[in-house]
Amino acid sequence: MSRRLIYLIRKRALGDVLWIEPVIRQLASTHKKLIVYTKYPELFENYNLPNVFFKQELNLFEKLLLGFERIFHTNIWFKDLEESYERNPKAHFLHAYQQKIGLPQTIEYPRIYLNEEEKILSKKYAEGGKYMVLHLESLTNKNYRKVYGVNWMEVVDAIREKGIRVIQIGKSPEEIPNTTYVKTGIREMIGLIAGSSFFLGIDSGPSHIAASLGIPSLIFFGAVNPEFRHFKSIFKGFFLQQPCQFAGCYHETVHMKDPECRLVGDQGIPICSLHTTVYVLDQMNSLIKKYHLE
């Protein structure tokens, strides 16, 4: 094991940050001390490696050292994962990270650790019977990262008829009748998802949490290729995506800003994101049957 300190950086979106967890374990196994600099240290609460530490801000010396390494393109002290998959768009999240800093590629989901209080929270939500978590709120204005064409009241009613409650999450989503809306922080959301029977929602941070916890999931994808976000061989659930002649176009260019739909631009409804209520109900029934969720 190396005796020196190393820093790992990834600050972007919730799901992006979650996927650095396997990298954390890899680096922690070869370095005496690892400091992870990220916007979302809450994701890694209860972490079980004593040589790993998390922080949201760097001190002045650390900022100067990081600036020096970025100017001279060195990685002596900092393993910088910013712009990893953005500049390597046809690689999986995890593999883009591992490739950038020269680590072996692995096929695994991030590990999330719950404390006893969070486990109790999961059991508390389950006291009222089985429930599913619904997350449809997109925090981007890109139309191909949203879901169109579904009558959500009909979907919710069909789920409730199976004796499964519907709990909706998000910062300020359009609430659907006959659902229970729960506004949570990151750790409360993890506990809530951990106790659910299944997850239904868009490609987002919560969906990656659900997949990492092994919760059977139905995840909507538009222009994003799900194989660059999940590992199909170990994923529990189904990806919901409609065919398009430009399927996976999100990955066709190296970009720091999301591209626009080639067919309808930013204003129309992309065909990859246009679903039907029947399609969603069929996929849901298949999920329930496959994983014995009733």
Protein backbone atom coordinates (compact mmCIF):
# COMPACT_ATOMS: atom_id res chain seq x y z
CA MET A 1 0.00 0.00 0.00
CA SER A 2 1.24 3.49 -0.83
CA ARG A 3 1.91 5.56 2.29
CA ARG A 4 0.87 8.85 0.74
CA LEU A 5 -2.34 10.85 0.81
CA ILE A 6 -4.47 11.06 -2.34
CA TYR A 7 -7.53 13.17 -3.24
CA LEU A 8 -10.45 12.07 -5.43
CA ILE A 9 -12.67 14.70 -7.05
CA ARG A 10 -16.17 14.42 -8.50
CA LYS A 11 -18.66 17.21 -7.81
CA ARG A 12 -21.38 17.06 -10.46
CA ALA A 13 -24.86 15.44 -10.22
CA LEU A 14 -26.08 13.00 -7.58
CA GLY A 15 -25.95 9.89 -9.75
CA ASP A 16 -22.56 10.89 -11.19
CA VAL A 17 -21.13 11.16 -7.68
CA LEU A 18 -22.68 7.91 -6.46
CA TRP A 19 -20.86 6.00 -9.20
CA ILE A 20 -17.44 6.96 -7.84
CA GLU A 21 -17.97 4.59 -4.90
CA PRO A 22 -16.27 1.55 -6.53
CA VAL A 23 -13.36 3.86 -7.41
CA ILE A 24 -13.14 4.93 -3.78
CA ARG A 25 -12.69 1.31 -2.72
CA GLN A 26 -10.06 0.74 -5.38
CA LEU A 27 -8.00 3.76 -4.34
CA ALA A 28 -8.48 3.12 -0.62
CA SER A 29 -6.92 -0.32 -1.05
CA THR A 30 -3.68 1.19 -2.36
CA HIS A 31 -3.33 4.45 -0.40
CA LYS A 32 -2.89 5.17 3.27
CA LYS A 33 -5.38 8.05 3.23
CA LEU A 34 -8.01 9.06 0.68
CA ILE A 35 -9.93 12.34 0.78
CA VAL A 36 -13.00 12.52 -1.46
CA TYR A 37 -14.01 16.02 -2.53
CA THR A 38 -17.64 16.15 -3.65
CA LYS A 39 -20.89 18.12 -3.40
CA TYR A 40 -22.70 15.09 -1.98
CA PRO A 41 -20.77 13.58 0.94
CA GLU A 42 -24.15 12.50 2.40
CA LEU A 43 -24.18 9.65 -0.11
CA PHE A 44 -21.27 8.09 1.70
CA GLU A 45 -22.36 8.42 5.30
CA ASN A 46 -21.69 5.28 7.39
CA TYR A 47 -18.79 4.43 5.08
CA ASN A 48 -16.86 1.49 6.49
CA LEU A 49 -13.28 2.22 5.37
CA PRO A 50 -11.31 4.04 8.11
CA ASN A 51 -8.80 5.61 5.70
CA VAL A 52 -11.46 7.37 3.60
CA PHE A 53 -12.66 10.89 4.40
CA PHE A 54 -15.20 13.15 2.66
CA LYS A 55 -15.33 16.93 2.34
CA GLN A 56 -17.37 19.56 0.48
CA GLU A 57 -14.75 22.31 0.47
CA LEU A 58 -11.00 22.45 -0.05
CA ASN A 59 -8.82 24.74 2.03
CA LEU A 60 -6.64 27.40 0.38
CA PHE A 61 -3.56 25.20 0.17
CA GLU A 62 -5.54 22.33 -1.37
CA LYS A 63 -7.11 24.68 -3.93
CA LEU A 64 -3.67 25.96 -4.93
CA LEU A 65 -2.33 22.43 -5.22
CA LEU A 66 -5.31 21.38 -7.34
CA GLY A 67 -4.87 24.42 -9.57
CA PHE A 68 -1.20 23.57 -10.04
CA GLU A 69 -2.02 20.00 -11.05
CA ARG A 70 -4.69 21.10 -13.52
CA ILE A 71 -2.36 23.66 -15.13
CA PHE A 72 0.47 21.17 -15.54
CA HIS A 73 -1.80 18.14 -16.22
CA THR A 74 -0.38 16.06 -13.40
CA ASN A 75 -2.18 13.74 -11.00
CA ILE A 76 0.34 13.29 -8.21
CA TRP A 77 -2.04 14.28 -5.42
CA PHE A 78 -5.41 14.63 -7.10
CA LYS A 79 -7.36 12.03 -9.07
CA ASP A 80 -9.70 14.38 -10.88
CA LEU A 81 -12.82 12.73 -12.31
CA GLU A 82 -14.46 15.93 -13.56
CA GLU A 83 -15.36 15.70 -17.27
CA SER A 84 -14.67 11.96 -17.26
CA TYR A 85 -17.68 10.53 -19.08
CA GLU A 86 -18.42 13.90 -20.69
CA ARG A 87 -15.21 13.47 -22.71
CA ASN A 88 -15.65 9.71 -23.03
CA PRO A 89 -19.38 9.53 -23.86
CA LYS A 90 -19.46 5.94 -25.13
CA ALA A 91 -18.19 4.47 -21.90
CA HIS A 92 -20.15 3.48 -18.83
CA PHE A 93 -20.03 6.01 -15.97
CA LEU A 94 -17.83 3.74 -13.88
CA HIS A 95 -15.55 2.66 -16.70
CA ALA A 96 -15.01 6.27 -17.79
CA TYR A 97 -13.89 7.06 -14.25
CA GLN A 98 -11.63 4.04 -14.04
CA GLN A 99 -10.10 4.68 -17.46
CA LYS A 100 -9.32 8.30 -16.65
CA ILE A 101 -7.17 7.46 -13.64
CA GLY A 102 -5.79 4.13 -14.84
CA LEU A 103 -7.72 1.67 -12.70
CA PRO A 104 -8.93 -1.81 -13.71
CA GLN A 105 -12.48 -1.82 -15.05
CA THR A 106 -15.05 -3.62 -12.93
CA ILE A 107 -18.73 -4.52 -13.32
CA GLU A 108 -20.46 -3.66 -10.07
CA TYR A 109 -22.88 -1.22 -8.52
CA PRO A 110 -21.96 1.35 -5.87
CA ARG A 111 -22.32 0.29 -2.26
CA ILE A 112 -24.59 2.30 0.02
CA TYR A 113 -24.49 1.85 3.78
CA LEU A 114 -27.48 2.47 6.02
CA ASN A 115 -27.18 3.07 9.75
CA GLU A 116 -29.64 1.62 12.25
CA GLU A 117 -31.82 4.73 12.26
CA GLU A 118 -32.18 4.58 8.48
CA LYS A 119 -33.01 0.89 8.61
CA ILE A 120 -35.71 1.67 11.16
CA LEU A 121 -37.06 4.37 8.83
CA SER A 122 -37.35 1.79 6.04
CA LYS A 123 -39.30 -0.53 8.33
CA LYS A 124 -41.52 2.32 9.47
CA TYR A 125 -42.61 3.13 5.91
CA ALA A 126 -43.27 -0.56 5.32
CA GLU A 127 -45.55 -0.85 8.36
CA GLY A 128 -48.47 0.31 6.24
CA GLY A 129 -47.86 -2.48 3.73
CA LYS A 130 -45.89 -2.74 0.50
CA TYR A 131 -45.08 0.46 -1.33
CA MET A 132 -43.29 1.62 -4.44
CA VAL A 133 -41.31 4.82 -4.94
CA LEU A 134 -42.21 7.04 -7.89
CA HIS A 135 -39.82 9.73 -9.14
CA LEU A 136 -40.72 11.61 -12.34
CA GLU A 137 -39.27 15.05 -11.68
CA SER A 138 -36.57 15.97 -14.18
CA LEU A 139 -34.18 18.69 -13.06
CA THR A 140 -33.11 19.43 -16.64
CA ASN A 141 -35.04 21.28 -19.33
CA LYS A 142 -33.97 18.74 -21.95
CA ASN A 143 -37.08 17.10 -23.42
CA TYR A 144 -35.39 13.72 -23.97
CA ARG A 145 -34.77 13.43 -20.22
CA LYS A 146 -38.52 13.51 -19.49
CA VAL A 147 -41.51 11.19 -19.91
CA TYR A 148 -44.48 11.92 -22.20
CA GLY A 149 -47.76 10.24 -23.09
CA VAL A 150 -48.51 8.39 -19.82
CA ASN A 151 -51.72 8.75 -17.80
CA TRP A 152 -50.14 8.60 -14.36
CA MET A 153 -53.43 8.50 -12.49
CA GLU A 154 -54.27 5.28 -14.33
CA VAL A 155 -50.85 3.81 -13.56
CA VAL A 156 -51.11 4.72 -9.89
CA ASP A 157 -54.60 3.25 -9.62
CA ALA A 158 -53.37 0.00 -11.18
CA ILE A 159 -50.55 -0.21 -8.65
CA ARG A 160 -52.89 0.48 -5.75
CA GLU A 161 -55.25 -2.25 -6.96
CA LYS A 162 -52.41 -4.68 -6.37
CA GLY A 163 -52.23 -3.61 -2.73
CA ILE A 164 -49.10 -1.51 -3.22
CA ARG A 165 -49.01 2.09 -2.03
CA VAL A 166 -47.35 4.76 -4.14
CA ILE A 167 -44.93 7.20 -2.52
CA GLN A 168 -43.83 10.06 -4.74
CA ILE A 169 -40.51 11.85 -4.20
CA GLY A 170 -38.81 14.94 -5.65
CA LYS A 171 -38.04 18.53 -4.76
CA SER A 172 -41.30 19.98 -6.11
CA PRO A 173 -42.90 17.49 -8.51
CA GLU A 174 -46.34 17.69 -10.04
CA GLU A 175 -48.13 15.62 -7.46
CA ILE A 176 -50.35 12.79 -8.70
CA PRO A 177 -53.66 11.99 -6.95
CA ASN A 178 -53.74 8.89 -4.71
CA THR A 179 -50.01 9.08 -4.06
CA THR A 180 -48.26 10.11 -0.86
CA TYR A 181 -45.71 12.84 -1.49
CA VAL A 182 -42.66 12.71 0.78
CA LYS A 183 -40.04 15.45 0.63
CA THR A 184 -36.74 14.07 1.83
CA GLY A 185 -33.08 14.80 2.16
CA ILE A 186 -30.58 12.42 0.61
CA ARG A 187 -30.28 10.05 3.56
CA GLU A 188 -34.05 9.93 4.18
CA MET A 189 -34.54 9.20 0.48
CA ILE A 190 -32.08 6.31 0.68
CA GLY A 191 -33.94 4.83 3.64
CA LEU A 192 -37.28 5.28 1.88
CA ILE A 193 -36.08 3.59 -1.33
CA ALA A 194 -34.38 0.80 0.62
CA GLY A 195 -37.69 -0.33 2.10
CA SER A 196 -39.70 -0.19 -1.13
CA SER A 197 -40.98 -3.11 -3.19
CA PHE A 198 -39.94 -1.46 -6.44
CA PHE A 199 -38.93 1.85 -8.00
CA LEU A 200 -40.48 3.57 -11.02
CA GLY A 201 -38.99 6.71 -12.46
CA ILE A 202 -36.70 8.60 -14.79
CA ASP A 203 -32.96 8.16 -15.26
CA SER A 204 -31.83 10.17 -12.24
CA GLY A 205 -29.95 10.10 -8.97
CA PRO A 206 -32.79 8.30 -7.13
CA SER A 207 -32.92 5.62 -9.85
CA HIS A 208 -29.20 4.91 -9.39
CA ILE A 209 -29.72 4.68 -5.64
CA ALA A 210 -32.52 2.17 -6.19
CA ALA A 211 -30.41 0.05 -8.55
CA SER A 212 -27.45 0.17 -6.17
CA LEU A 213 -29.67 -1.03 -3.31
CA GLY A 214 -30.90 -3.93 -5.44
CA ILE A 215 -34.47 -2.63 -5.63
CA PRO A 216 -36.33 -3.92 -8.73
CA SER A 217 -36.75 -0.89 -10.97
CA LEU A 218 -38.44 0.46 -14.06
CA ILE A 219 -36.32 3.32 -15.38
CA PHE A 220 -37.24 5.63 -18.26
CA PHE A 221 -34.54 6.53 -20.75
CA GLY A 222 -34.73 8.87 -23.72
CA ALA A 223 -31.64 9.74 -25.75
CA VAL A 224 -29.31 8.22 -23.15
CA ASN A 225 -28.17 4.63 -23.74
CA PRO A 226 -28.93 2.75 -20.51
CA GLU A 227 -25.95 0.45 -21.07
CA PHE A 228 -23.71 3.43 -20.35
CA ARG A 229 -25.50 4.05 -17.05
CA HIS A 230 -26.20 0.56 -15.72
CA PHE A 231 -24.84 -2.96 -15.96
CA LYS A 232 -27.61 -4.95 -17.58
CA SER A 233 -26.18 -8.30 -16.45
CA ILE A 234 -26.67 -7.42 -12.77
CA PHE A 235 -29.46 -4.82 -12.95
CA LYS A 236 -32.79 -5.84 -11.41
CA GLY A 237 -35.59 -4.54 -13.58
CA PHE A 238 -36.31 -3.13 -17.03
CA PHE A 239 -35.33 -0.08 -19.03
CA LEU A 240 -38.23 1.81 -20.63
CA GLN A 241 -37.23 3.44 -23.90
CA GLN A 242 -38.91 3.80 -27.29
CA PRO A 243 -37.05 3.09 -30.56
CA CYS A 244 -35.60 5.92 -32.62
CA GLN A 245 -33.39 6.02 -35.71
CA PHE A 246 -30.95 8.13 -33.69
CA ALA A 247 -31.06 5.92 -30.58
CA GLY A 248 -28.38 6.84 -28.08
CA CYS A 249 -27.64 10.15 -29.82
CA TYR A 250 -26.73 11.67 -26.46
CA HIS A 251 -23.42 9.79 -26.72
CA GLU A 252 -22.52 10.69 -30.28
CA THR A 253 -20.51 13.79 -29.45
CA VAL A 254 -18.06 14.80 -26.78
CA HIS A 255 -19.96 17.45 -24.86
CA MET A 256 -20.11 19.50 -21.70
CA LYS A 257 -23.62 20.71 -22.54
CA ASP A 258 -26.43 18.32 -23.33
CA PRO A 259 -27.16 18.12 -27.08
CA GLU A 260 -30.64 18.71 -28.51
CA CYS A 261 -32.94 16.15 -30.12
CA ARG A 262 -32.12 15.71 -33.82
CA LEU A 263 -35.77 15.24 -34.78
CA VAL A 264 -37.71 17.85 -32.80
CA GLY A 265 -35.10 20.12 -31.25
CA ASP A 266 -35.61 21.35 -27.70
CA GLN A 267 -39.34 22.15 -28.00
CA GLY A 268 -41.05 19.03 -29.36
CA ILE A 269 -41.63 15.57 -27.94
CA PRO A 270 -38.81 13.13 -28.77
CA ILE A 271 -40.08 9.74 -29.91
CA CYS A 272 -37.62 7.98 -27.59
CA SER A 273 -39.43 9.57 -24.62
CA LEU A 274 -43.01 9.16 -25.85
CA HIS A 275 -44.63 6.20 -24.11
CA THR A 276 -48.14 4.88 -23.63
CA THR A 277 -49.99 4.00 -20.46
CA VAL A 278 -50.48 0.44 -21.72
CA TYR A 279 -46.74 0.05 -22.29
CA VAL A 280 -45.92 1.21 -18.76
CA LEU A 281 -48.57 -1.06 -17.23
CA ASP A 282 -47.28 -4.05 -19.20
CA GLN A 283 -43.71 -3.39 -18.06
CA MET A 284 -44.87 -2.94 -14.48
CA ASN A 285 -46.80 -6.20 -14.51
CA SER A 286 -43.76 -8.00 -15.95
CA LEU A 287 -41.58 -6.57 -13.18
CA ILE A 288 -44.03 -7.56 -10.46
CA LYS A 289 -44.30 -11.08 -11.87
CA LYS A 290 -40.54 -11.57 -12.37
CA TYR A 291 -39.59 -10.44 -8.87
CA HIS A 292 -42.67 -11.77 -7.03
CA LEU A 293 -43.58 -8.34 -5.69
CA GLU A 294 -47.29 -8.84 -4.99
